[in-house]
Protein backbone atom coordinates (compact mmCIF):
# COMPACT_ATOMS: atom_id res chain seq x y z
CA MET A 1 0.00 1.89 -12.78
CA SER A 2 3.10 3.88 -12.08
CA GLY A 3 3.64 7.65 -11.97
CA ASP A 4 6.14 8.13 -9.15
CA PRO A 5 9.38 6.20 -9.79
CA GLY A 6 9.33 4.86 -6.21
CA ILE A 7 5.71 3.69 -6.20
CA SER A 8 3.98 1.07 -8.35
CA ALA A 9 0.79 -0.99 -8.25
CA PHE A 10 -0.55 -3.68 -10.58
CA PRO A 11 -3.40 -6.22 -10.55
CA ASP A 12 -2.51 -9.44 -8.75
CA GLY A 13 -3.17 -11.99 -11.47
CA GLU A 14 -6.60 -12.09 -13.11
CA ASN A 15 -8.56 -10.51 -10.23
CA ILE A 16 -8.94 -6.81 -11.07
CA PHE A 17 -10.13 -6.12 -7.49
CA SER A 18 -6.88 -7.39 -5.93
CA TRP A 19 -3.67 -5.44 -6.52
CA ILE A 20 -0.08 -5.60 -5.27
CA GLY A 21 1.79 -2.36 -4.67
CA THR A 22 5.39 -1.48 -3.91
CA ILE A 23 6.79 1.60 -2.21
CA ASN A 24 10.55 2.18 -2.26
CA GLY A 25 11.98 4.34 0.53
CA SER A 26 13.01 7.85 -0.49
CA LYS A 27 16.70 8.64 -0.70
CA GLY A 28 18.12 10.46 2.30
CA THR A 29 15.41 9.25 4.69
CA ALA A 30 15.30 6.53 7.35
CA TYR A 31 13.52 4.39 4.71
CA ASP A 32 16.26 4.77 2.05
CA GLY A 33 17.09 1.42 0.45
CA LEU A 34 13.99 -0.31 1.82
CA SER A 35 11.13 -1.69 -0.26
CA TYR A 36 7.62 -2.29 1.05
CA LYS A 37 4.98 -4.54 -0.49
CA LEU A 38 1.30 -3.67 -0.01
CA SER A 39 -1.94 -5.44 -0.78
CA LEU A 40 -4.86 -3.42 -2.12
CA ARG A 41 -8.37 -4.91 -2.12
CA PHE A 42 -11.02 -2.97 -4.02
CA PRO A 43 -14.67 -3.58 -3.08
CA MET A 44 -17.26 -4.27 -5.78
CA ASP A 45 -18.78 -0.82 -5.17
CA TYR A 46 -15.48 1.06 -5.60
CA PRO A 47 -15.10 4.12 -5.85
CA PHE A 48 -18.05 4.65 -3.52
CA LYS A 49 -16.27 2.55 -0.87
CA PRO A 50 -12.51 2.83 -0.28
CA PRO A 51 -10.04 0.01 -0.93
CA GLN A 52 -8.47 -1.91 1.94
CA VAL A 53 -4.72 -1.27 1.95
CA LYS A 54 -2.31 -3.27 4.07
CA PHE A 55 1.48 -3.40 4.35
CA GLU A 56 2.58 -6.98 3.67
CA THR A 57 6.19 -6.08 4.50
CA MET A 58 6.82 -5.23 8.17
CA CYS A 59 6.88 -1.45 8.43
CA PHE A 60 7.92 0.53 11.49
CA HIS A 61 5.83 3.67 11.22
CA PRO A 62 3.59 5.44 13.76
CA ASN A 63 0.57 5.13 11.43
CA VAL A 64 0.97 1.40 10.69
CA ASP A 65 0.02 -1.24 13.27
CA GLN A 66 1.82 -4.55 13.93
CA TYR A 67 -0.42 -6.31 11.37
CA GLY A 68 0.31 -3.87 8.54
CA ASN A 69 -2.98 -1.96 8.79
CA ILE A 70 -2.83 1.77 8.15
CA CYS A 71 -4.13 3.64 11.21
CA LEU A 72 -5.12 7.17 10.27
CA ASP A 73 -8.36 8.68 11.54
CA ILE A 74 -8.73 10.65 8.29
CA LEU A 75 -9.11 7.35 6.38
CA GLN A 76 -11.99 6.09 8.51
């Protein structure tokens, strides 16, 4: 699945509930030239439960913890 040229996500092998995503840093920002890999895990009862999304590439961002977990109250 790819709509934005800097963002993509595809199933990780044969498991449709496990995806790998990539976000490329936008030009002219502090993230320009960087590429981040993410894991997306969809529960069996998706879309009624949200997927688990985690940065697999170290990301220095105020809303991402040291383990790659996204920390936004709005997502809880």
